[in-house]
């Protein structure tokens, strides 16, 4: 793996995974308004909001780790 773009690859991977999670969560959330027979206890709504929240947290963590790797890589090359 190229060390220069290691943080950028981490950020792109987390963007991709978060966008898939947001898409699935939004689709389930919209489906929860239509599917009344499955959504008696608002189970589908709770699951969809959980998926959306988890993907947002994962995006934030991945962005933080990507920036941290870029900063560490840049800082460690200056002092060597």
PDB file of N, CA and C in Angstrom:
ATOM      1  N   UNK A   1       0.840  -1.177   0.000  1.00  0.00           N
ATOM      2  CA  UNK A   1       0.000   0.000   0.000  1.00  0.00           C
ATOM      3  C   UNK A   1       0.885   1.240   0.000  1.00  0.00           C
ATOM      4  N   UNK A   2       0.543   2.175  -0.808  1.00  0.00           N
ATOM      5  CA  UNK A   2       1.304   3.409  -0.884  1.00  0.00           C
ATOM      6  C   UNK A   2       1.105   4.199   0.400  1.00  0.00           C
ATOM      7  N   UNK A   3       2.201   4.534   1.080  1.00  0.00           N
ATOM      8  CA  UNK A   3       2.088   5.196   2.370  1.00  0.00           C
ATOM      9  C   UNK A   3       1.583   6.617   2.246  1.00  0.00           C
ATOM     10  N   UNK A   4       1.766   7.224   1.100  1.00  0.00           N
ATOM     11  CA  UNK A   4       1.352   8.609   0.940  1.00  0.00           C
ATOM     12  C   UNK A   4      -0.168   8.750   0.907  1.00  0.00           C
ATOM     13  N   UNK A   5      -0.849   7.784   0.307  1.00  0.00           N
ATOM     14  CA  UNK A   5      -2.299   7.859   0.155  1.00  0.00           C
ATOM     15  C   UNK A   5      -3.026   6.893   1.077  1.00  0.00           C
ATOM     16  N   UNK A   6      -2.373   6.457   2.138  1.00  0.00           N
ATOM     17  CA  UNK A   6      -2.989   5.492   3.042  1.00  0.00           C
ATOM     18  C   UNK A   6      -4.184   6.100   3.782  1.00  0.00           C
ATOM     19  N   UNK A   7      -4.050   7.318   4.253  1.00  0.00           N
ATOM     20  CA  UNK A   7      -5.146   7.981   4.944  1.00  0.00           C
ATOM     21  C   UNK A   7      -6.298   8.299   4.020  1.00  0.00           C
ATOM     22  N   UNK A   8      -5.990   8.635   2.775  1.00  0.00           N
ATOM     23  CA  UNK A   8      -7.037   8.941   1.808  1.00  0.00           C
ATOM     24  C   UNK A   8      -7.829   7.688   1.455  1.00  0.00           C
ATOM     25  N   UNK A   9      -7.162   6.550   1.390  1.00  0.00           N
ATOM     26  CA  UNK A   9      -7.865   5.306   1.116  1.00  0.00           C
ATOM     27  C   UNK A   9      -8.784   4.929   2.264  1.00  0.00           C
ATOM     28  N   UNK A  10      -8.348   5.178   3.496  1.00  0.00           N
ATOM     29  CA  UNK A  10      -9.195   4.917   4.660  1.00  0.00           C
ATOM     30  C   UNK A  10     -10.436   5.806   4.627  1.00  0.00           C
ATOM     31  N   UNK A  11     -10.246   7.070   4.285  1.00  0.00           N
ATOM     32  CA  UNK A  11     -11.366   8.008   4.214  1.00  0.00           C
ATOM     33  C   UNK A  11     -12.330   7.610   3.106  1.00  0.00           C
ATOM     34  N   UNK A  12     -11.829   7.232   1.948  1.00  0.00           N
ATOM     35  CA  UNK A  12     -12.702   6.822   0.841  1.00  0.00           C
ATOM     36  C   UNK A  12     -13.476   5.552   1.164  1.00  0.00           C
ATOM     37  N   UNK A  13     -12.834   4.603   1.858  1.00  0.00           N
ATOM     38  CA  UNK A  13     -13.515   3.376   2.246  1.00  0.00           C
ATOM     39  C   UNK A  13     -14.659   3.681   3.217  1.00  0.00           C
ATOM     40  N   UNK A  14     -14.407   4.547   4.173  1.00  0.00           N
ATOM     41  CA  UNK A  14     -15.450   4.884   5.134  1.00  0.00           C
ATOM     42  C   UNK A  14     -16.564   5.699   4.490  1.00  0.00           C
ATOM     43  N   UNK A  15     -16.234   6.534   3.517  1.00  0.00           N
ATOM     44  CA  UNK A  15     -17.276   7.258   2.782  1.00  0.00           C
ATOM     45  C   UNK A  15     -18.180   6.289   2.041  1.00  0.00           C
ATOM     46  N   UNK A  16     -17.577   5.285   1.408  1.00  0.00           N
ATOM     47  CA  UNK A  16     -18.346   4.305   0.656  1.00  0.00           C
ATOM     48  C   UNK A  16     -19.247   3.499   1.576  1.00  0.00           C
ATOM     49  N   UNK A  17     -18.708   3.025   2.690  1.00  0.00           N
ATOM     50  CA  UNK A  17     -19.493   2.224   3.617  1.00  0.00           C
ATOM     51  C   UNK A  17     -20.606   3.047   4.265  1.00  0.00           C
ATOM     52  N   UNK A  18     -20.327   4.299   4.586  1.00  0.00           N
ATOM     53  CA  UNK A  18     -21.347   5.156   5.184  1.00  0.00           C
ATOM     54  C   UNK A  18     -22.447   5.495   4.183  1.00  0.00           C
ATOM     55  N   UNK A  19     -22.093   5.693   2.934  1.00  0.00           N
ATOM     56  CA  UNK A  19     -23.123   5.998   1.937  1.00  0.00           C
ATOM     57  C   UNK A  19     -24.027   4.793   1.705  1.00  0.00           C
ATOM     58  N   UNK A  20     -23.479   3.589   1.733  1.00  0.00           N
ATOM     59  CA  UNK A  20     -24.316   2.390   1.613  1.00  0.00           C
ATOM     60  C   UNK A  20     -25.235   2.269   2.827  1.00  0.00           C
ATOM     61  N   UNK A  21     -24.700   2.517   4.019  1.00  0.00           N
ATOM     62  CA  UNK A  21     -25.523   2.456   5.229  1.00  0.00           C
ATOM     63  C   UNK A  21     -26.621   3.501   5.237  1.00  0.00           C
ATOM     64  N   UNK A  22     -26.300   4.705   4.796  1.00  0.00           N
ATOM     65  CA  UNK A  22     -27.328   5.750   4.730  1.00  0.00           C
ATOM     66  C   UNK A  22     -28.409   5.426   3.705  1.00  0.00           C
ATOM     67  N   UNK A  23     -28.007   4.846   2.596  1.00  0.00           N
ATOM     68  CA  UNK A  23     -28.981   4.476   1.570  1.00  0.00           C
ATOM     69  C   UNK A  23     -29.920   3.377   2.073  1.00  0.00           C
ATOM     70  N   UNK A  24     -29.361   2.351   2.681  1.00  0.00           N
ATOM     71  CA  UNK A  24     -30.174   1.253   3.207  1.00  0.00           C
ATOM     72  C   UNK A  24     -31.064   1.751   4.344  1.00  0.00           C
ATOM     73  N   UNK A  25     -30.506   2.555   5.241  1.00  0.00           N
ATOM     74  CA  UNK A  25     -31.288   3.087   6.352  1.00  0.00           C
ATOM     75  C   UNK A  25     -32.414   3.987   5.898  1.00  0.00           C
ATOM     76  N   UNK A  26     -32.158   4.826   4.914  1.00  0.00           N
ATOM     77  CA  UNK A  26     -33.206   5.708   4.390  1.00  0.00           C
ATOM     78  C   UNK A  26     -34.292   4.911   3.680  1.00  0.00           C
ATOM     79  N   UNK A  27     -33.881   3.890   2.933  1.00  0.00           N
ATOM     80  CA  UNK A  27     -34.869   3.048   2.254  1.00  0.00           C
ATOM     81  C   UNK A  27     -35.746   2.317   3.269  1.00  0.00           C
ATOM     82  N   UNK A  28     -35.150   1.788   4.333  1.00  0.00           N
ATOM     83  CA  UNK A  28     -35.942   1.119   5.367  1.00  0.00           C
ATOM     84  C   UNK A  28     -36.836   2.102   6.110  1.00  0.00           C
ATOM     85  N   UNK A  29     -36.345   3.310   6.332  1.00  0.00           N
ATOM     86  CA  UNK A  29     -37.143   4.320   7.025  1.00  0.00           C
ATOM     87  C   UNK A  29     -38.367   4.699   6.202  1.00  0.00           C
ATOM     88  N   UNK A  30     -38.183   4.875   4.902  1.00  0.00           N
ATOM     89  CA  UNK A  30     -39.324   5.184   4.038  1.00  0.00           C
ATOM     90  C   UNK A  30     -40.262   3.987   3.912  1.00  0.00           C
ATOM     91  N   UNK A  31     -39.698   2.784   3.921  1.00  0.00           N
ATOM     92  CA  UNK A  31     -40.514   1.579   3.858  1.00  0.00           C
ATOM     93  C   UNK A  31     -41.328   1.399   5.134  1.00  0.00           C
ATOM     94  N   UNK A  32     -40.838   1.892   6.247  1.00  0.00           N
ATOM     95  CA  UNK A  32     -41.556   1.729   7.511  1.00  0.00           C
ATOM     96  C   UNK A  32     -42.861   2.518   7.528  1.00  0.00           C
ATOM     97  N   UNK A  33     -42.987   3.551   6.716  1.00  0.00           N
ATOM     98  CA  UNK A  33     -44.245   4.275   6.633  1.00  0.00           C
ATOM     99  C   UNK A  33     -45.275   3.531   5.785  1.00  0.00           C
ATOM    100  N   UNK A  34     -44.797   2.695   4.867  1.00  0.00           N
ATOM    101  CA  UNK A  34     -45.686   1.978   3.963  1.00  0.00           C
ATOM    102  C   UNK A  34     -46.092   0.632   4.556  1.00  0.00           C
ATOM    103  N   UNK A  35     -45.155  -0.072   5.169  1.00  0.00           N
ATOM    104  CA  UNK A  35     -45.401  -1.428   5.670  1.00  0.00           C
ATOM    105  C   UNK A  35     -46.015  -1.364   7.065  1.00  0.00           C
ATOM    106  N   UNK A  36     -47.315  -1.217   7.134  1.00  0.00           N
ATOM    107  CA  UNK A  36     -47.992  -1.111   8.427  1.00  0.00           C
ATOM    108  C   UNK A  36     -48.084  -2.448   9.147  1.00  0.00           C
ATOM    109  N   UNK A  37     -48.187  -3.541   8.417  1.00  0.00           N
ATOM    110  CA  UNK A  37     -48.336  -4.850   9.058  1.00  0.00           C
ATOM    111  C   UNK A  37     -47.050  -5.273   9.763  1.00  0.00           C
ATOM    112  N   UNK A  38     -45.898  -4.898   9.230  1.00  0.00           N
ATOM    113  CA  UNK A  38     -44.628  -5.267   9.849  1.00  0.00           C
ATOM    114  C   UNK A  38     -44.181  -4.265  10.907  1.00  0.00           C
ATOM    115  N   UNK A  39     -44.782  -3.113  10.933  1.00  0.00           N
ATOM    116  CA  UNK A  39     -44.277  -2.015  11.755  1.00  0.00           C
ATOM    117  C   UNK A  39     -45.242  -1.674  12.897  1.00  0.00           C
ATOM    118  N   UNK A  40     -45.823  -2.687  13.545  1.00  0.00           N
ATOM    119  CA  UNK A  40     -46.773  -2.428  14.617  1.00  0.00           C
ATOM    120  C   UNK A  40     -46.095  -1.790  15.829  1.00  0.00           C
ATOM    121  N   UNK A  41     -44.937  -2.258  16.184  1.00  0.00           N
ATOM    122  CA  UNK A  41     -44.211  -1.726  17.348  1.00  0.00           C
ATOM    123  C   UNK A  41     -43.101  -0.776  16.936  1.00  0.00           C
ATOM    124  N   UNK A  42     -43.162  -0.248  15.742  1.00  0.00           N
ATOM    125  CA  UNK A  42     -42.157   0.668  15.189  1.00  0.00           C
ATOM    126  C   UNK A  42     -40.764   0.036  15.154  1.00  0.00           C
ATOM    127  N   UNK A  43     -40.732  -1.294  14.992  1.00  0.00           N
ATOM    128  CA  UNK A  43     -39.450  -1.998  14.959  1.00  0.00           C
ATOM    129  C   UNK A  43     -38.625  -1.614  13.737  1.00  0.00           C
ATOM    130  N   UNK A  44     -39.272  -1.529  12.594  1.00  0.00           N
ATOM    131  CA  UNK A  44     -38.566  -1.193  11.361  1.00  0.00           C
ATOM    132  C   UNK A  44     -38.028   0.238  11.397  1.00  0.00           C
ATOM    133  N   UNK A  45     -38.770   1.135  12.022  1.00  0.00           N
ATOM    134  CA  UNK A  45     -38.311   2.519  12.147  1.00  0.00           C
ATOM    135  C   UNK A  45     -37.088   2.610  13.053  1.00  0.00           C
ATOM    136  N   UNK A  46     -37.115   1.876  14.165  1.00  0.00           N
ATOM    137  CA  UNK A  46     -35.992   1.895  15.108  1.00  0.00           C
ATOM    138  C   UNK A  46     -34.746   1.294  14.469  1.00  0.00           C
ATOM    139  N   UNK A  47     -34.911   0.199  13.736  1.00  0.00           N
ATOM    140  CA  UNK A  47     -33.772  -0.434  13.069  1.00  0.00           C
ATOM    141  C   UNK A  47     -33.180   0.493  12.010  1.00  0.00           C
ATOM    142  N   UNK A  48     -34.046   1.145  11.238  1.00  0.00           N
ATOM    143  CA  UNK A  48     -33.541   2.031  10.186  1.00  0.00           C
ATOM    144  C   UNK A  48     -32.812   3.241  10.779  1.00  0.00           C
ATOM    145  N   UNK A  49     -33.341   3.804  11.849  1.00  0.00           N
ATOM    146  CA  UNK A  49     -32.642   4.925  12.490  1.00  0.00           C
ATOM    147  C   UNK A  49     -31.328   4.471  13.122  1.00  0.00           C
ATOM    148  N   UNK A  50     -31.277   3.241  13.609  1.00  0.00           N
ATOM    149  CA  UNK A  50     -30.028   2.690  14.132  1.00  0.00           C
ATOM    150  C   UNK A  50     -28.976   2.515  13.052  1.00  0.00           C
ATOM    151  N   UNK A  51     -29.401   2.047  11.880  1.00  0.00           N
ATOM    152  CA  UNK A  51     -28.474   1.888  10.753  1.00  0.00           C
ATOM    153  C   UNK A  51     -27.952   3.250  10.308  1.00  0.00           C
ATOM    154  N   UNK A  52     -28.826   4.245  10.239  1.00  0.00           N
ATOM    155  CA  UNK A  52     -28.406   5.594   9.831  1.00  0.00           C
ATOM    156  C   UNK A  52     -27.425   6.172  10.853  1.00  0.00           C
ATOM    157  N   UNK A  53     -27.734   6.028  12.132  1.00  0.00           N
ATOM    158  CA  UNK A  53     -26.841   6.539  13.175  1.00  0.00           C
ATOM    159  C   UNK A  53     -25.491   5.843  13.181  1.00  0.00           C
ATOM    160  N   UNK A  54     -25.501   4.519  13.017  1.00  0.00           N
ATOM    161  CA  UNK A  54     -24.242   3.774  12.999  1.00  0.00           C
ATOM    162  C   UNK A  54     -23.381   4.152  11.804  1.00  0.00           C
ATOM    163  N   UNK A  55     -23.998   4.372  10.659  1.00  0.00           N
ATOM    164  CA  UNK A  55     -23.200   4.746   9.486  1.00  0.00           C
ATOM    165  C   UNK A  55     -22.633   6.155   9.640  1.00  0.00           C
ATOM    166  N   UNK A  56     -23.359   7.051  10.306  1.00  0.00           N
ATOM    167  CA  UNK A  56     -22.825   8.391  10.533  1.00  0.00           C
ATOM    168  C   UNK A  56     -21.651   8.359  11.518  1.00  0.00           C
ATOM    169  N   UNK A  57     -21.766   7.548  12.567  1.00  0.00           N
ATOM    170  CA  UNK A  57     -20.662   7.413  13.523  1.00  0.00           C
ATOM    171  C   UNK A  57     -19.455   6.774  12.847  1.00  0.00           C
ATOM    172  N   UNK A  58     -19.700   5.765  12.008  1.00  0.00           N
ATOM    173  CA  UNK A  58     -18.598   5.112  11.308  1.00  0.00           C
ATOM    174  C   UNK A  58     -17.905   6.072  10.351  1.00  0.00           C
ATOM    175  N   UNK A  59     -18.665   6.931   9.680  1.00  0.00           N
ATOM    176  CA  UNK A  59     -18.062   7.927   8.798  1.00  0.00           C
ATOM    177  C   UNK A  59     -17.207   8.912   9.592  1.00  0.00           C
ATOM    178  N   UNK A  60     -17.706   9.369  10.722  1.00  0.00           N
ATOM    179  CA  UNK A  60     -16.930  10.295  11.552  1.00  0.00           C
ATOM    180  C   UNK A  60     -15.656   9.661  12.069  1.00  0.00           C
ATOM    181  N   UNK A  61     -15.734   8.411  12.521  1.00  0.00           N
ATOM    182  CA  UNK A  61     -14.547   7.722  13.014  1.00  0.00           C
ATOM    183  C   UNK A  61     -13.549   7.471  11.891  1.00  0.00           C
ATOM    184  N   UNK A  62     -14.036   7.066  10.733  1.00  0.00           N
ATOM    185  CA  UNK A  62     -13.138   6.820   9.599  1.00  0.00           C
ATOM    186  C   UNK A  62     -12.476   8.090   9.101  1.00  0.00           C
ATOM    187  N   UNK A  63     -13.223   9.183   9.104  1.00  0.00           N
ATOM    188  CA  UNK A  63     -12.649  10.462   8.707  1.00  0.00           C
ATOM    189  C   UNK A  63     -11.564  10.894   9.692  1.00  0.00           C
ATOM    190  N   UNK A  64     -11.844  10.706  10.980  1.00  0.00           N
ATOM    191  CA  UNK A  64     -10.854  11.036  11.999  1.00  0.00           C
ATOM    192  C   UNK A  64      -9.593  10.185  11.847  1.00  0.00           C
ATOM    193  N   UNK A  65      -9.754   8.892  11.612  1.00  0.00           N
ATOM    194  CA  UNK A  65      -8.586   8.013  11.467  1.00  0.00           C
ATOM    195  C   UNK A  65      -7.799   8.339  10.204  1.00  0.00           C
ATOM    196  N   UNK A  66      -8.484   8.655   9.119  1.00  0.00           N
ATOM    197  CA  UNK A  66      -7.786   9.034   7.887  1.00  0.00           C
ATOM    198  C   UNK A  66      -6.991  10.309   8.052  1.00  0.00           C
ATOM    199  N   UNK A  67      -7.597  11.298   8.695  1.00  0.00           N
ATOM    200  CA  UNK A  67      -6.872  12.552   8.939  1.00  0.00           C
ATOM    201  C   UNK A  67      -5.710  12.345   9.898  1.00  0.00           C
ATOM    202  N   UNK A  68      -5.914  11.502  10.893  1.00  0.00           N
ATOM    203  CA  UNK A  68      -4.845  11.212  11.848  1.00  0.00           C
ATOM    204  C   UNK A  68      -3.671  10.518  11.170  1.00  0.00           C
ATOM    205  N   UNK A  69      -3.963   9.584  10.268  1.00  0.00           N
ATOM    206  CA  UNK A  69      -2.888   8.884   9.554  1.00  0.00           C
ATOM    207  C   UNK A  69      -2.136   9.837   8.637  1.00  0.00           C
ATOM    208  N   UNK A  70      -2.854  10.730   7.958  1.00  0.00           N
ATOM    209  CA  UNK A  70      -2.197  11.714   7.088  1.00  0.00           C
ATOM    210  C   UNK A  70      -1.321  12.664   7.902  1.00  0.00           C
ATOM    211  N   UNK A  71      -1.826  13.119   9.027  1.00  0.00           N
ATOM    212  CA  UNK A  71      -1.064  14.049   9.864  1.00  0.00           C
ATOM    213  C   UNK A  71       0.152  13.371  10.471  1.00  0.00           C
ATOM    214  N   UNK A  72      -0.013  12.135  10.938  1.00  0.00           N
ATOM    215  CA  UNK A  72       1.114  11.410  11.519  1.00  0.00           C
ATOM    216  C   UNK A  72       2.175  11.133  10.467  1.00  0.00           C
ATOM    217  N   UNK A  73       1.761  10.745   9.288  1.00  0.00           N
ATOM    218  CA  UNK A  73       2.714  10.439   8.214  1.00  0.00           C
ATOM    219  C   UNK A  73       3.483  11.697   7.813  1.00  0.00           C
ATOM    220  N   UNK A  74       2.786  12.828   7.737  1.00  0.00           N
ATOM    221  CA  UNK A  74       3.424  14.080   7.350  1.00  0.00           C
ATOM    222  C   UNK A  74       4.358  14.569   8.453  1.00  0.00           C
ATOM    223  N   UNK A  75       3.952  14.412   9.715  1.00  0.00           N
ATOM    224  CA  UNK A  75       4.752  14.885  10.829  1.00  0.00           C
ATOM    225  C   UNK A  75       5.979  14.011  11.050  1.00  0.00           C
ATOM    226  N   UNK A  76       5.846  12.704  10.855  1.00  0.00           N
ATOM    227  CA  UNK A  76       6.976  11.806  11.094  1.00  0.00           C
ATOM    228  C   UNK A  76       8.052  11.956  10.020  1.00  0.00           C
ATOM    229  N   UNK A  77       7.688  12.374   8.816  1.00  0.00           N
ATOM    230  CA  UNK A  77       8.701  12.538   7.773  1.00  0.00           C
ATOM    231  C   UNK A  77       9.481  13.837   7.961  1.00  0.00           C
ATOM    232  N   UNK A  78       8.912  14.816   8.630  1.00  0.00           N
ATOM    233  CA  UNK A  78       9.631  16.066   8.857  1.00  0.00           C
ATOM    234  C   UNK A  78      10.758  15.921   9.858  1.00  0.00           C
ATOM    235  N   UNK A  79      10.538  15.105  10.900  1.00  0.00           N
ATOM    236  CA  UNK A  79      11.520  15.003  11.970  1.00  0.00           C
ATOM    237  C   UNK A  79      12.593  13.967  11.708  1.00  0.00           C
ATOM    238  N   UNK A  80      12.461  13.166  10.681  1.00  0.00           N
ATOM    239  CA  UNK A  80      13.444  12.114  10.433  1.00  0.00           C
ATOM    240  C   UNK A  80      14.584  12.598   9.605  1.00  0.00           C
TER     241      UNK A  80
END
